[in-house]
Amino acid sequence: MKNWVFLLFAIVSEVVATSALKQSEEFSKVGPTIVVVVGYLISFYFLSLTLRTIPVGIAYAVWSGVGVALISLVGWVLFDQKLDAPGAFGIALIGAGVIVLNVFSKTAVH
Protein backbone atom coordinates (compact mmCIF):
# COMPACT_ATOMS: atom_id res chain seq x y z
CA MET A 1 0.00 0.00 0.00
CA LYS A 2 2.78 2.46 0.80
CA ASN A 3 4.10 2.13 -2.75
CA TRP A 4 0.79 3.54 -4.02
CA VAL A 5 1.24 6.45 -1.60
CA PHE A 6 4.73 6.95 -3.03
CA LEU A 7 3.17 6.95 -6.50
CA LEU A 8 0.67 9.58 -5.37
CA PHE A 9 3.56 11.76 -4.10
CA ALA A 10 5.31 11.27 -7.44
CA ILE A 11 2.20 12.35 -9.34
CA VAL A 12 1.52 15.42 -7.19
CA SER A 13 5.12 16.64 -7.31
CA GLU A 14 5.19 16.13 -11.10
CA VAL A 15 2.00 18.16 -11.48
CA VAL A 16 3.44 20.95 -9.30
CA ALA A 17 6.66 20.95 -11.33
CA THR A 18 4.85 20.96 -14.65
CA SER A 19 2.58 23.77 -13.47
CA ALA A 20 5.63 25.84 -12.52
CA LEU A 21 7.06 25.45 -16.04
CA LYS A 22 4.70 28.13 -17.30
CA GLN A 23 5.70 30.55 -14.54
CA SER A 24 9.41 29.89 -15.12
CA GLU A 25 9.10 31.65 -18.49
CA GLU A 26 11.62 29.40 -20.21
CA PHE A 27 13.69 29.11 -17.01
CA SER A 28 14.28 32.87 -16.88
CA LYS A 29 12.64 33.26 -13.44
CA VAL A 30 14.62 31.71 -10.60
CA GLY A 31 11.81 30.86 -8.14
CA PRO A 32 9.59 28.90 -10.51
CA THR A 33 12.66 27.26 -12.07
CA ILE A 34 13.68 25.95 -8.65
CA VAL A 35 10.15 24.58 -8.17
CA VAL A 36 10.42 22.80 -11.55
CA VAL A 37 13.78 21.19 -10.80
CA VAL A 38 12.99 20.20 -7.22
CA GLY A 39 9.49 19.01 -8.17
CA TYR A 40 10.79 16.72 -10.90
CA LEU A 41 13.57 15.40 -8.65
CA ILE A 42 11.03 14.54 -5.96
CA SER A 43 8.70 13.04 -8.54
CA PHE A 44 11.31 10.76 -10.05
CA TYR A 45 12.58 9.76 -6.62
CA PHE A 46 9.13 8.67 -5.47
CA LEU A 47 8.40 7.04 -8.82
CA SER A 48 11.57 4.99 -8.39
CA LEU A 49 10.43 3.89 -4.93
CA THR A 50 7.19 2.54 -6.35
CA LEU A 51 9.12 0.28 -8.69
CA ARG A 52 10.10 -1.93 -5.76
CA THR A 53 6.74 -3.68 -6.06
CA ILE A 54 4.70 -2.07 -8.84
CA PRO A 55 5.70 -3.10 -12.38
CA VAL A 56 7.26 -0.24 -14.34
CA GLY A 57 4.58 -0.29 -17.05
CA ILE A 58 1.76 -0.04 -14.52
CA ALA A 59 3.50 2.61 -12.42
CA TYR A 60 4.31 4.73 -15.46
CA ALA A 61 0.80 4.36 -16.92
CA VAL A 62 -0.78 5.52 -13.67
CA TRP A 63 1.82 8.28 -13.15
CA SER A 64 1.44 9.70 -16.63
CA GLY A 65 -2.31 9.14 -16.96
CA VAL A 66 -3.28 10.72 -13.67
CA GLY A 67 -0.68 13.43 -14.25
CA VAL A 68 -2.23 14.32 -17.63
CA ALA A 69 -5.68 14.58 -16.09
CA LEU A 70 -4.50 16.67 -13.14
CA ILE A 71 -2.35 19.03 -15.20
CA SER A 72 -5.30 19.58 -17.53
CA LEU A 73 -7.39 20.51 -14.50
CA VAL A 74 -4.65 22.83 -13.24
CA GLY A 75 -4.42 24.48 -16.67
CA TRP A 76 -8.18 25.04 -16.67
CA VAL A 77 -8.39 26.37 -13.08
CA LEU A 78 -5.16 28.36 -12.75
CA PHE A 79 -4.35 29.41 -16.30
CA ASP A 80 -7.85 29.69 -17.77
CA GLN A 81 -6.99 27.19 -20.51
CA LYS A 82 -10.03 25.78 -22.22
CA LEU A 83 -10.57 22.11 -22.95
CA ASP A 84 -12.98 21.18 -25.72
CA ALA A 85 -15.19 18.09 -25.77
CA PRO A 86 -12.76 15.87 -27.74
CA GLY A 87 -9.95 16.85 -25.35
CA ALA A 88 -12.09 16.06 -22.31
CA PHE A 89 -13.14 12.76 -23.90
CA GLY A 90 -9.51 11.86 -24.56
CA ILE A 91 -8.56 12.58 -20.96
CA ALA A 92 -11.54 10.50 -19.80
CA LEU A 93 -10.23 7.62 -21.93
CA ILE A 94 -6.83 7.94 -20.27
CA GLY A 95 -8.55 7.80 -16.88
CA ALA A 96 -10.54 4.76 -17.97
CA GLY A 97 -7.31 3.09 -19.03
CA VAL A 98 -5.76 3.68 -15.62
CA ILE A 99 -8.84 2.21 -13.97
CA VAL A 100 -8.81 -0.86 -16.24
CA LEU A 101 -5.13 -1.44 -15.48
CA ASN A 102 -5.70 -1.27 -11.75
CA VAL A 103 -8.98 -3.12 -11.50
CA PHE A 104 -8.72 -5.83 -14.14
CA SER A 105 -5.03 -6.36 -14.90
CA LYS A 106 -3.30 -9.21 -13.11
CA THR A 107 0.03 -7.41 -13.52
CA ALA A 108 -1.01 -4.56 -11.21
CA VAL A 109 0.07 -5.22 -7.64
CA HIS A 110 -2.66 -4.51 -5.06
C-alpha atoms as a PDB file:
ATOM      1  CA  MET A   1       0.000   0.000   0.000  1.00  0.00           C
ATOM      2  CA  LYS A   2       2.776   2.463   0.798  1.00  0.00           C
ATOM      3  CA  ASN A   3       4.095   2.132  -2.750  1.00  0.00           C
ATOM      4  CA  TRP A   4       0.790   3.540  -4.019  1.00  0.00           C
ATOM      5  CA  VAL A   5       1.240   6.452  -1.595  1.00  0.00           C
ATOM      6  CA  PHE A   6       4.726   6.950  -3.034  1.00  0.00           C
ATOM      7  CA  LEU A   7       3.173   6.955  -6.498  1.00  0.00           C
ATOM      8  CA  LEU A   8       0.668   9.577  -5.367  1.00  0.00           C
ATOM      9  CA  PHE A   9       3.556  11.760  -4.096  1.00  0.00           C
ATOM     10  CA  ALA A  10       5.308  11.267  -7.444  1.00  0.00           C
ATOM     11  CA  ILE A  11       2.201  12.353  -9.342  1.00  0.00           C
ATOM     12  CA  VAL A  12       1.521  15.415  -7.194  1.00  0.00           C
ATOM     13  CA  SER A  13       5.122  16.635  -7.313  1.00  0.00           C
ATOM     14  CA  GLU A  14       5.194  16.126 -11.098  1.00  0.00           C
ATOM     15  CA  VAL A  15       2.005  18.164 -11.478  1.00  0.00           C
ATOM     16  CA  VAL A  16       3.444  20.947  -9.301  1.00  0.00           C
ATOM     17  CA  ALA A  17       6.664  20.951 -11.329  1.00  0.00           C
ATOM     18  CA  THR A  18       4.845  20.958 -14.654  1.00  0.00           C
ATOM     19  CA  SER A  19       2.579  23.773 -13.475  1.00  0.00           C
ATOM     20  CA  ALA A  20       5.629  25.841 -12.523  1.00  0.00           C
ATOM     21  CA  LEU A  21       7.063  25.453 -16.040  1.00  0.00           C
ATOM     22  CA  LYS A  22       4.703  28.128 -17.303  1.00  0.00           C
ATOM     23  CA  GLN A  23       5.699  30.549 -14.541  1.00  0.00           C
ATOM     24  CA  SER A  24       9.408  29.890 -15.123  1.00  0.00           C
ATOM     25  CA  GLU A  25       9.103  31.652 -18.486  1.00  0.00           C
ATOM     26  CA  GLU A  26      11.624  29.400 -20.208  1.00  0.00           C
ATOM     27  CA  PHE A  27      13.692  29.109 -17.013  1.00  0.00           C
ATOM     28  CA  SER A  28      14.285  32.869 -16.885  1.00  0.00           C
ATOM     29  CA  LYS A  29      12.639  33.261 -13.443  1.00  0.00           C
ATOM     30  CA  VAL A  30      14.617  31.713 -10.604  1.00  0.00           C
ATOM     31  CA  GLY A  31      11.812  30.860  -8.145  1.00  0.00           C
ATOM     32  CA  PRO A  32       9.594  28.895 -10.506  1.00  0.00           C
ATOM     33  CA  THR A  33      12.661  27.263 -12.074  1.00  0.00           C
ATOM     34  CA  ILE A  34      13.681  25.945  -8.650  1.00  0.00           C
ATOM     35  CA  VAL A  35      10.149  24.580  -8.167  1.00  0.00           C
ATOM     36  CA  VAL A  36      10.416  22.803 -11.545  1.00  0.00           C
ATOM     37  CA  VAL A  37      13.779  21.185 -10.800  1.00  0.00           C
ATOM     38  CA  VAL A  38      12.986  20.201  -7.215  1.00  0.00           C
ATOM     39  CA  GLY A  39       9.494  19.006  -8.169  1.00  0.00           C
ATOM     40  CA  TYR A  40      10.789  16.716 -10.897  1.00  0.00           C
ATOM     41  CA  LEU A  41      13.572  15.397  -8.655  1.00  0.00           C
ATOM     42  CA  ILE A  42      11.026  14.545  -5.959  1.00  0.00           C
ATOM     43  CA  SER A  43       8.699  13.043  -8.538  1.00  0.00           C
ATOM     44  CA  PHE A  44      11.309  10.757 -10.052  1.00  0.00           C
ATOM     45  CA  TYR A  45      12.585   9.761  -6.617  1.00  0.00           C
ATOM     46  CA  PHE A  46       9.127   8.672  -5.466  1.00  0.00           C
ATOM     47  CA  LEU A  47       8.403   7.043  -8.817  1.00  0.00           C
ATOM     48  CA  SER A  48      11.575   4.989  -8.395  1.00  0.00           C
ATOM     49  CA  LEU A  49      10.433   3.892  -4.928  1.00  0.00           C
ATOM     50  CA  THR A  50       7.189   2.541  -6.352  1.00  0.00           C
ATOM     51  CA  LEU A  51       9.121   0.282  -8.691  1.00  0.00           C
ATOM     52  CA  ARG A  52      10.096  -1.932  -5.755  1.00  0.00           C
ATOM     53  CA  THR A  53       6.743  -3.679  -6.063  1.00  0.00           C
ATOM     54  CA  ILE A  54       4.705  -2.065  -8.837  1.00  0.00           C
ATOM     55  CA  PRO A  55       5.701  -3.103 -12.384  1.00  0.00           C
ATOM     56  CA  VAL A  56       7.260  -0.243 -14.339  1.00  0.00           C
ATOM     57  CA  GLY A  57       4.576  -0.293 -17.046  1.00  0.00           C
ATOM     58  CA  ILE A  58       1.755  -0.041 -14.522  1.00  0.00           C
ATOM     59  CA  ALA A  59       3.503   2.608 -12.424  1.00  0.00           C
ATOM     60  CA  TYR A  60       4.306   4.733 -15.465  1.00  0.00           C
ATOM     61  CA  ALA A  61       0.805   4.361 -16.917  1.00  0.00           C
ATOM     62  CA  VAL A  62      -0.782   5.523 -13.667  1.00  0.00           C
ATOM     63  CA  TRP A  63       1.823   8.283 -13.146  1.00  0.00           C
ATOM     64  CA  SER A  64       1.443   9.698 -16.628  1.00  0.00           C
ATOM     65  CA  GLY A  65      -2.314   9.139 -16.958  1.00  0.00           C
ATOM     66  CA  VAL A  66      -3.284  10.716 -13.667  1.00  0.00           C
ATOM     67  CA  GLY A  67      -0.679  13.426 -14.255  1.00  0.00           C
ATOM     68  CA  VAL A  68      -2.234  14.322 -17.630  1.00  0.00           C
ATOM     69  CA  ALA A  69      -5.682  14.580 -16.087  1.00  0.00           C
ATOM     70  CA  LEU A  70      -4.498  16.668 -13.137  1.00  0.00           C
ATOM     71  CA  ILE A  71      -2.348  19.030 -15.195  1.00  0.00           C
ATOM     72  CA  SER A  72      -5.296  19.580 -17.531  1.00  0.00           C
ATOM     73  CA  LEU A  73      -7.390  20.506 -14.498  1.00  0.00           C
ATOM     74  CA  VAL A  74      -4.648  22.833 -13.242  1.00  0.00           C
ATOM     75  CA  GLY A  75      -4.424  24.479 -16.666  1.00  0.00           C
ATOM     76  CA  TRP A  76      -8.176  25.043 -16.667  1.00  0.00           C
ATOM     77  CA  VAL A  77      -8.392  26.371 -13.085  1.00  0.00           C
ATOM     78  CA  LEU A  78      -5.156  28.359 -12.749  1.00  0.00           C
ATOM     79  CA  PHE A  79      -4.345  29.407 -16.302  1.00  0.00           C
ATOM     80  CA  ASP A  80      -7.854  29.688 -17.770  1.00  0.00           C
ATOM     81  CA  GLN A  81      -6.986  27.194 -20.509  1.00  0.00           C
ATOM     82  CA  LYS A  82     -10.031  25.776 -22.222  1.00  0.00           C
ATOM     83  CA  LEU A  83     -10.569  22.110 -22.948  1.00  0.00           C
ATOM     84  CA  ASP A  84     -12.977  21.182 -25.720  1.00  0.00           C
ATOM     85  CA  ALA A  85     -15.190  18.092 -25.771  1.00  0.00           C
ATOM     86  CA  PRO A  86     -12.759  15.869 -27.736  1.00  0.00           C
ATOM     87  CA  GLY A  87      -9.954  16.847 -25.350  1.00  0.00           C
ATOM     88  CA  ALA A  88     -12.090  16.062 -22.309  1.00  0.00           C
ATOM     89  CA  PHE A  89     -13.136  12.759 -23.904  1.00  0.00           C
ATOM     90  CA  GLY A  90      -9.506  11.856 -24.564  1.00  0.00           C
ATOM     91  CA  ILE A  91      -8.560  12.577 -20.963  1.00  0.00           C
ATOM     92  CA  ALA A  92     -11.538  10.499 -19.798  1.00  0.00           C
ATOM     93  CA  LEU A  93     -10.233   7.620 -21.933  1.00  0.00           C
ATOM     94  CA  ILE A  94      -6.829   7.935 -20.269  1.00  0.00           C
ATOM     95  CA  GLY A  95      -8.546   7.804 -16.881  1.00  0.00           C
ATOM     96  CA  ALA A  96     -10.538   4.763 -17.967  1.00  0.00           C
ATOM     97  CA  GLY A  97      -7.307   3.086 -19.031  1.00  0.00           C
ATOM     98  CA  VAL A  98      -5.755   3.682 -15.617  1.00  0.00           C
ATOM     99  CA  ILE A  99      -8.843   2.206 -13.970  1.00  0.00           C
ATOM    100  CA  VAL A 100      -8.809  -0.855 -16.242  1.00  0.00           C
ATOM    101  CA  LEU A 101      -5.126  -1.438 -15.482  1.00  0.00           C
ATOM    102  CA  ASN A 102      -5.701  -1.275 -11.747  1.00  0.00           C
ATOM    103  CA  VAL A 103      -8.985  -3.120 -11.499  1.00  0.00           C
ATOM    104  CA  PHE A 104      -8.718  -5.832 -14.141  1.00  0.00           C
ATOM    105  CA  SER A 105      -5.030  -6.360 -14.903  1.00  0.00           C
ATOM    106  CA  LYS A 106      -3.296  -9.207 -13.112  1.00  0.00           C
ATOM    107  CA  THR A 107       0.032  -7.410 -13.518  1.00  0.00           C
ATOM    108  CA  ALA A 108      -1.008  -4.561 -11.206  1.00  0.00           C
ATOM    109  CA  VAL A 109       0.070  -5.216  -7.636  1.00  0.00           C
ATOM    110  CA  HIS A 110      -2.659  -4.511  -5.061  1.00  0.00           C
END
